[in-house]
Amino acid sequence: MPATIRDVALKAGVSPATVSKALNSSGSVAEETQQKIKQAAKALGYQPNARARNFATRATYQMAFLADFPFDAAFVNPHLFEIMRGVQHTLDKKGYAMVMKHLSSKDAIAYMEQAWSQHLVDGFVLHMSVMTKKLSALISRENIPHIVIGKPNFDNHLCWIDTDNCLSGELAARHLAELGYKDFCFVGGRADDMISWRRLQGVRQALQEMGLELPHERVLQSQSTLADGARALKKLLRMKPRPQAVICANNPIALGLMQALQAKNIRIPEDIALITFDSYPFSMFTEPPMTVVDINMYEMGQEAGRLVLQKLRHPATQIQTYITTPTIVLRGTTASVTPHKN
């Protein structure tokens, strides 16, 4: 006959209520007592009855991860999967399963209303790709436990976590300036791409502090594709003086620009240096390998998982924070010598 919670309590010399708290990581149980209970449970081969636990607590022990995945997400937004892995790792340790839902921002509202009203999940991890003002209003009105991956670009009372993209831009600009580069260009994403916009703000802020500038005509917008990176080269070559270094908002832009430069026999970094953000998906496999400002998205996912559980336990908690300090990964597309003069 399978061991029961009472068997574990008897072996550990505590009450069944204390066993429940220790195994569910809820309530205040001394570390020594927790270890004693876990050892007793392991010795008896005790397996909690998830259905009974859920019925007793009215909890599902499930979290929903909502995101709008493009068909080529593995290349366009690969770090999303690292975030998901990090979230899942944290939830697993606390006995929660994660339900991944691919939804548009419009469909996310209806799904959340249904899932919350029918007690299908206990809370939500929301990627910014599904976040809207209407969804924000629903979350606030129903006091739904949640954490948003990315800082919303509108006034809100949401709980969110993000990496400091402005700081990432600062690091990229300072790295280039310290190597002796003075003439820059920034190739970014769409006008509504807040990650690209914040990286640009960081670049401008750092250059201004160092007595340098990035003129408006040297900021190019794109759809963040390989073709856009290639098209940017035509505009770069018309600039006088020609940029010594180009800061690309993401990997696809950087790879497209690199291929176009090499097709024109323009040397990297001797003629034009390149720097981008994030190691994935292309930067480690280019020739020369791409210098990047990198961030640990897995760590960010782990922290997001911790924060949504914190929000579940303490609904009144307001969480708005930056996490994961970006770092420069120096590779072959930036030189450590005085740059080539045009």
Protein backbone atom coordinates (compact mmCIF):
# COMPACT_ATOMS: atom_id res chain seq x y z
CA MET A 1 0.00 0.00 0.00
CA PRO A 2 1.44 3.44 -0.95
CA ALA A 3 2.77 5.60 1.86
CA THR A 4 0.52 8.44 3.03
CA ILE A 5 1.25 11.88 4.38
CA ARG A 6 0.46 10.51 7.85
CA ASP A 7 3.16 7.84 7.42
CA VAL A 8 5.69 10.53 6.58
CA ALA A 9 4.58 12.63 9.55
CA LEU A 10 4.94 9.66 11.90
CA LYS A 11 8.43 8.79 10.64
CA ALA A 12 9.60 12.41 10.82
CA GLY A 13 7.99 13.03 14.21
CA VAL A 14 5.90 16.00 13.06
CA SER A 15 2.27 16.73 12.23
CA PRO A 16 0.71 16.00 8.80
CA ALA A 17 0.16 19.78 8.40
CA THR A 18 3.89 20.40 8.81
CA VAL A 19 4.65 17.72 6.23
CA SER A 20 2.27 19.39 3.78
CA LYS A 21 3.89 22.81 4.30
CA ALA A 22 7.41 21.44 3.92
CA LEU A 23 6.74 19.44 0.75
CA ASN A 24 4.80 22.29 -0.88
CA SER A 25 7.34 24.95 0.18
CA SER A 26 4.59 26.96 1.82
CA GLY A 27 4.49 28.35 5.33
CA SER A 28 7.37 28.67 7.78
CA VAL A 29 9.14 25.36 8.39
CA ALA A 30 12.67 25.27 9.79
CA GLU A 31 15.34 24.08 7.36
CA GLU A 32 16.35 21.20 9.63
CA THR A 33 12.71 20.04 9.87
CA GLN A 34 12.26 20.32 6.12
CA GLN A 35 15.29 18.10 5.50
CA LYS A 36 14.03 15.54 8.03
CA ILE A 37 10.61 15.43 6.32
CA LYS A 38 12.09 15.13 2.83
CA GLN A 39 14.36 12.30 3.96
CA ALA A 40 11.39 10.49 5.53
CA ALA A 41 9.33 10.94 2.34
CA LYS A 42 12.17 9.60 0.22
CA ALA A 43 12.72 6.61 2.52
CA LEU A 44 9.02 5.70 2.37
CA GLY A 45 8.74 6.34 -1.37
CA TYR A 46 5.98 8.86 -0.70
CA GLN A 47 4.44 10.50 -3.78
CA PRO A 48 2.02 13.41 -3.18
CA ASN A 49 -1.44 12.95 -4.66
CA ALA A 50 -1.63 15.93 -6.99
CA ARG A 51 -5.37 15.67 -7.49
CA ALA A 52 -6.05 15.60 -3.74
CA ARG A 53 -3.65 18.47 -3.18
CA ASN A 54 -5.28 20.58 -5.88
CA PHE A 55 -8.76 19.86 -4.56
CA ALA A 56 -7.77 20.83 -1.02
CA THR A 57 -6.06 24.07 -2.01
CA ARG A 58 -8.19 24.97 -5.05
CA ALA A 59 -4.88 25.33 -6.89
CA THR A 60 -4.05 23.84 -10.28
CA TYR A 61 -0.27 23.99 -9.86
CA GLN A 62 -0.09 25.15 -13.46
CA MET A 63 1.16 28.43 -14.95
CA ALA A 64 0.42 29.60 -18.49
CA PHE A 65 3.17 31.13 -20.63
CA LEU A 66 1.58 33.30 -23.33
CA ALA A 67 3.53 34.53 -26.37
CA ASP A 68 2.99 35.29 -30.02
CA PHE A 69 5.52 33.09 -31.83
CA PRO A 70 6.28 34.05 -35.45
CA PHE A 71 6.70 31.10 -37.82
CA ASP A 72 10.48 31.66 -37.81
CA ALA A 73 10.74 32.39 -34.08
CA ALA A 74 13.76 30.12 -33.66
CA PHE A 75 15.78 32.58 -35.76
CA VAL A 76 14.00 35.90 -35.24
CA ASN A 77 13.52 35.56 -31.49
CA PRO A 78 15.60 32.60 -30.26
CA HIS A 79 16.14 34.00 -26.77
CA LEU A 80 12.42 33.51 -26.11
CA PHE A 81 13.06 29.79 -25.80
CA GLU A 82 15.87 30.39 -23.31
CA ILE A 83 13.47 32.50 -21.23
CA MET A 84 10.89 29.70 -21.34
CA ARG A 85 13.48 27.14 -20.22
CA GLY A 86 14.42 29.35 -17.29
CA VAL A 87 10.80 29.84 -16.24
CA GLN A 88 10.12 26.11 -16.46
CA HIS A 89 13.20 25.30 -14.36
CA THR A 90 12.02 27.51 -11.49
CA LEU A 91 8.41 26.30 -11.66
CA ASP A 92 9.50 22.65 -11.74
CA LYS A 93 11.37 23.06 -8.47
CA LYS A 94 8.18 24.28 -6.80
CA GLY A 95 5.93 21.56 -8.24
CA TYR A 96 4.32 23.67 -10.98
CA ALA A 97 3.80 22.71 -14.61
CA MET A 98 3.97 25.28 -17.41
CA VAL A 99 1.40 25.43 -20.21
CA MET A 100 2.74 27.20 -23.30
CA LYS A 101 0.14 29.00 -25.46
CA HIS A 102 0.84 30.55 -28.85
CA LEU A 103 -1.62 33.43 -29.20
CA SER A 104 -1.98 36.78 -30.91
CA SER A 105 -2.35 39.82 -28.67
CA LYS A 106 -6.05 39.90 -29.58
CA ASP A 107 -6.67 36.23 -28.73
CA ALA A 108 -4.70 36.49 -25.49
CA ILE A 109 -7.50 38.49 -23.84
CA ALA A 110 -10.17 35.86 -24.49
CA TYR A 111 -7.86 33.03 -23.40
CA MET A 112 -6.91 34.74 -20.16
CA GLU A 113 -10.55 35.50 -19.32
CA GLN A 114 -11.50 31.85 -19.85
CA ALA A 115 -8.48 30.32 -18.13
CA TRP A 116 -8.82 32.57 -15.08
CA SER A 117 -12.58 32.33 -14.68
CA GLN A 118 -12.52 28.53 -15.03
CA HIS A 119 -9.50 28.09 -12.69
CA LEU A 120 -7.47 26.37 -15.41
CA VAL A 121 -4.19 27.93 -14.20
CA ASP A 122 -2.96 29.75 -11.12
CA GLY A 123 -1.14 32.57 -12.91
CA PHE A 124 0.44 33.82 -16.11
CA VAL A 125 3.85 34.61 -17.55
CA LEU A 126 3.24 37.01 -20.43
CA HIS A 127 5.68 37.87 -23.19
CA MET A 128 5.44 41.47 -24.39
CA SER A 129 4.35 40.19 -27.81
CA VAL A 130 0.83 39.61 -26.42
CA MET A 131 0.63 42.61 -24.09
CA THR A 132 -1.93 45.35 -24.79
CA LYS A 133 -3.68 48.02 -22.76
CA LYS A 134 -6.87 45.91 -22.77
CA LEU A 135 -5.04 42.91 -21.42
CA SER A 136 -3.42 45.09 -18.79
CA ALA A 137 -6.84 46.37 -17.73
CA LEU A 138 -8.17 42.80 -17.41
CA ILE A 139 -5.22 41.79 -15.22
CA SER A 140 -5.68 44.80 -12.94
CA ARG A 141 -9.46 44.42 -12.72
CA GLU A 142 -9.31 40.72 -11.81
CA ASN A 143 -6.10 40.98 -9.76
CA ILE A 144 -4.56 38.12 -11.75
CA PRO A 145 -1.15 36.81 -10.63
CA HIS A 146 1.29 37.51 -13.45
CA ILE A 147 4.71 38.65 -14.59
CA VAL A 148 5.39 40.33 -17.95
CA ILE A 149 8.62 39.58 -19.84
CA GLY A 150 9.64 43.02 -21.03
CA LYS A 151 8.83 46.54 -19.92
CA PRO A 152 5.41 47.66 -21.29
CA ASN A 153 5.58 50.80 -23.43
CA PHE A 154 2.46 52.37 -21.88
CA ASP A 155 1.40 53.55 -18.43
CA ASN A 156 0.41 50.54 -16.35
CA HIS A 157 0.26 48.85 -12.96
CA LEU A 158 1.62 45.58 -14.28
CA CYS A 159 4.39 43.49 -12.79
CA TRP A 160 7.24 43.18 -15.26
CA ILE A 161 10.86 42.07 -15.59
CA ASP A 162 13.27 43.13 -18.29
CA THR A 163 16.93 43.35 -19.17
CA ASP A 164 18.35 46.87 -19.29
CA ASN A 165 18.47 47.45 -23.04
CA CYS A 166 19.47 51.07 -22.54
CA LEU A 167 22.55 49.89 -20.61
CA SER A 168 23.27 47.39 -23.40
CA GLY A 169 23.36 50.26 -25.89
CA GLU A 170 25.66 52.24 -23.62
CA LEU A 171 28.08 49.31 -23.38
CA ALA A 172 28.19 48.91 -27.17
CA ALA A 173 28.92 52.61 -27.75
CA ARG A 174 31.55 52.83 -25.00
CA HIS A 175 33.31 49.72 -26.29
CA LEU A 176 33.64 51.21 -29.77
CA ALA A 177 34.68 54.65 -28.52
CA GLU A 178 37.35 53.15 -26.26
CA LEU A 179 38.82 51.38 -29.31
CA GLY A 180 39.14 54.77 -31.06
CA TYR A 181 36.08 54.81 -33.33
CA LYS A 182 34.45 58.21 -33.83
CA ASP A 183 32.03 57.94 -36.76
CA PHE A 184 29.05 55.68 -36.07
CA CYS A 185 25.83 54.41 -37.61
CA PHE A 186 22.96 52.59 -35.88
CA VAL A 187 20.78 50.16 -37.86
CA GLY A 188 17.66 49.44 -35.82
CA GLY A 189 14.29 47.79 -36.06
CA ARG A 190 10.83 49.22 -36.66
CA ALA A 191 9.68 52.45 -35.05
CA ASP A 192 7.55 50.44 -32.58
CA ASP A 193 10.39 48.05 -31.66
CA MET A 194 10.98 49.13 -28.07
CA ILE A 195 14.05 46.93 -27.59
CA SER A 196 15.75 48.56 -30.56
CA TRP A 197 14.61 52.03 -29.44
CA ARG A 198 15.99 51.58 -25.91
CA ARG A 199 19.29 50.29 -27.23
CA LEU A 200 19.50 53.37 -29.45
CA GLN A 201 18.80 55.65 -26.47
CA GLY A 202 21.66 53.99 -24.59
CA VAL A 203 24.01 54.45 -27.54
CA ARG A 204 23.17 58.15 -27.82
CA GLN A 205 23.45 58.72 -24.09
CA ALA A 206 26.91 57.12 -23.88
CA LEU A 207 28.22 58.97 -26.94
CA GLN A 208 26.95 62.30 -25.64
CA GLU A 209 28.73 61.73 -22.32
CA MET A 210 31.97 61.08 -24.23
CA GLY A 211 31.62 64.21 -26.40
CA LEU A 212 30.59 62.24 -29.49
CA GLU A 213 27.33 62.18 -31.40
CA LEU A 214 25.07 60.06 -33.55
CA PRO A 215 23.31 62.34 -36.07
CA HIS A 216 19.70 61.60 -36.94
CA GLU A 217 20.61 60.75 -40.56
CA ARG A 218 22.91 57.99 -39.28
CA VAL A 219 20.06 56.13 -37.61
CA LEU A 220 18.40 53.68 -40.02
CA GLN A 221 15.17 51.77 -39.42
CA SER A 222 14.32 48.34 -40.80
CA GLN A 223 12.13 45.26 -40.41
CA SER A 224 15.03 43.40 -38.76
CA THR A 225 15.63 40.94 -41.61
CA LEU A 226 18.77 39.75 -43.40
CA ALA A 227 17.64 41.66 -46.49
CA ASP A 228 17.29 44.86 -44.46
CA GLY A 229 20.87 44.50 -43.24
CA ALA A 230 22.05 44.13 -46.82
CA ARG A 231 19.99 47.13 -47.98
CA ALA A 232 21.47 49.26 -45.21
CA LEU A 233 24.89 49.03 -46.84
CA LYS A 234 23.80 51.17 -49.80
CA LYS A 235 22.87 53.97 -47.42
CA LEU A 236 26.05 53.54 -45.38
CA LEU A 237 28.27 53.90 -48.44
CA ARG A 238 26.59 57.21 -49.35
CA MET A 239 27.35 58.72 -45.93
CA LYS A 240 30.17 61.28 -45.73
CA PRO A 241 32.36 60.47 -43.94
CA ARG A 242 31.67 56.77 -44.14
CA PRO A 243 30.93 55.24 -40.71
CA GLN A 244 33.88 53.54 -39.08
CA ALA A 245 31.61 51.36 -36.94
CA VAL A 246 28.02 50.15 -37.21
CA ILE A 247 25.87 49.17 -34.23
CA CYS A 248 23.19 46.68 -35.32
CA ALA A 249 20.09 46.31 -33.14
CA ASN A 250 19.97 42.52 -33.58
CA ASN A 251 21.58 39.47 -35.18
CA PRO A 252 19.61 39.29 -38.47
CA ILE A 253 20.47 42.90 -39.33
CA ALA A 254 24.13 42.32 -38.44
CA LEU A 255 24.44 39.14 -40.52
CA GLY A 256 22.74 40.71 -43.56
CA LEU A 257 25.05 43.72 -43.36
CA MET A 258 28.13 41.53 -42.91
CA GLN A 259 27.30 39.47 -45.99
CA ALA A 260 26.76 42.64 -48.05
CA LEU A 261 30.08 44.13 -46.85
CA GLN A 262 31.96 40.97 -47.74
CA ALA A 263 30.33 40.85 -51.17
CA LYS A 264 31.76 44.34 -51.78
CA ASN A 265 35.19 43.26 -50.47
CA ILE A 266 34.91 45.71 -47.59
CA ARG A 267 37.00 44.36 -44.74
CA ILE A 268 35.64 43.75 -41.24
CA PRO A 269 36.80 45.30 -38.93
CA GLU A 270 39.62 47.05 -40.84
CA ASP A 271 37.27 49.12 -43.04
CA ILE A 272 34.04 48.98 -41.03
CA ALA A 273 33.58 47.45 -37.58
CA LEU A 274 30.35 45.75 -36.48
CA ILE A 275 28.78 45.12 -33.09
CA THR A 276 25.35 43.69 -32.26
CA PHE A 277 23.35 42.35 -29.33
CA ASP A 278 22.77 38.77 -28.10
CA SER A 279 24.83 35.74 -29.07
CA TYR A 280 22.01 33.93 -30.89
CA PRO A 281 21.28 32.87 -33.52
CA PHE A 282 24.10 33.94 -35.84
CA SER A 283 26.88 35.82 -34.07
CA MET A 284 29.02 32.83 -33.08
CA PHE A 285 29.00 31.33 -36.58
CA THR A 286 29.96 34.30 -38.75
CA GLU A 287 33.45 34.84 -40.12
CA PRO A 288 34.85 36.77 -38.41
CA PRO A 289 32.77 35.96 -35.29
CA MET A 290 30.60 38.87 -34.18
CA THR A 291 31.36 41.06 -31.17
CA VAL A 292 28.15 41.30 -29.12
CA VAL A 293 26.62 42.77 -26.01
CA ASP A 294 25.21 39.61 -24.48
CA ILE A 295 22.60 38.91 -21.81
CA ASN A 296 21.68 35.76 -19.92
CA MET A 297 18.09 35.09 -20.96
CA TYR A 298 17.93 31.75 -19.12
CA GLU A 299 18.68 33.57 -15.86
CA MET A 300 16.00 36.11 -16.72
CA GLY A 301 13.48 33.29 -17.19
CA GLN A 302 14.42 31.76 -13.85
CA GLU A 303 13.84 35.07 -12.13
CA ALA A 304 10.51 35.54 -13.93
CA GLY A 305 9.38 32.16 -12.60
CA ARG A 306 10.37 33.15 -9.07
CA LEU A 307 8.56 36.46 -9.31
CA VAL A 308 5.27 35.03 -10.60
CA LEU A 309 5.27 32.59 -7.68
CA GLN A 310 5.98 35.50 -5.34
CA LYS A 311 3.05 37.38 -6.86
CA LEU A 312 0.87 34.30 -6.32
CA ARG A 313 1.76 34.17 -2.62
CA HIS A 314 1.59 37.95 -2.11
CA PRO A 315 -0.97 39.42 -4.54
CA ALA A 316 -0.41 43.02 -3.40
CA THR A 317 3.29 42.93 -4.36
CA GLN A 318 4.25 45.36 -7.14
CA ILE A 319 7.22 44.09 -9.16
CA GLN A 320 8.87 46.31 -11.76
CA THR A 321 12.54 45.50 -12.15
CA TYR A 322 15.51 45.08 -14.44
CA ILE A 323 17.54 41.89 -14.26
CA THR A 324 20.65 40.40 -15.89
CA THR A 325 23.60 42.74 -16.38
CA PRO A 326 24.71 42.79 -20.04
CA THR A 327 28.37 42.09 -20.85
CA ILE A 328 30.62 42.62 -23.87
CA VAL A 329 31.76 39.45 -25.66
CA LEU A 330 34.76 40.57 -27.68
CA ARG A 331 35.17 38.74 -30.99
CA GLY A 332 36.52 39.51 -34.44
CA THR A 333 34.29 42.28 -35.84
CA THR A 334 35.77 45.05 -33.68
CA ALA A 335 39.49 45.84 -33.63
CA SER A 336 41.65 46.61 -30.62
CA VAL A 337 43.77 49.00 -32.68
CA THR A 338 43.24 52.44 -34.17
CA PRO A 339 40.54 52.00 -36.83
CA HIS A 340 41.08 52.44 -40.53
CA LYS A 341 40.76 56.02 -41.75
CA ASN A 342 38.46 56.67 -44.68
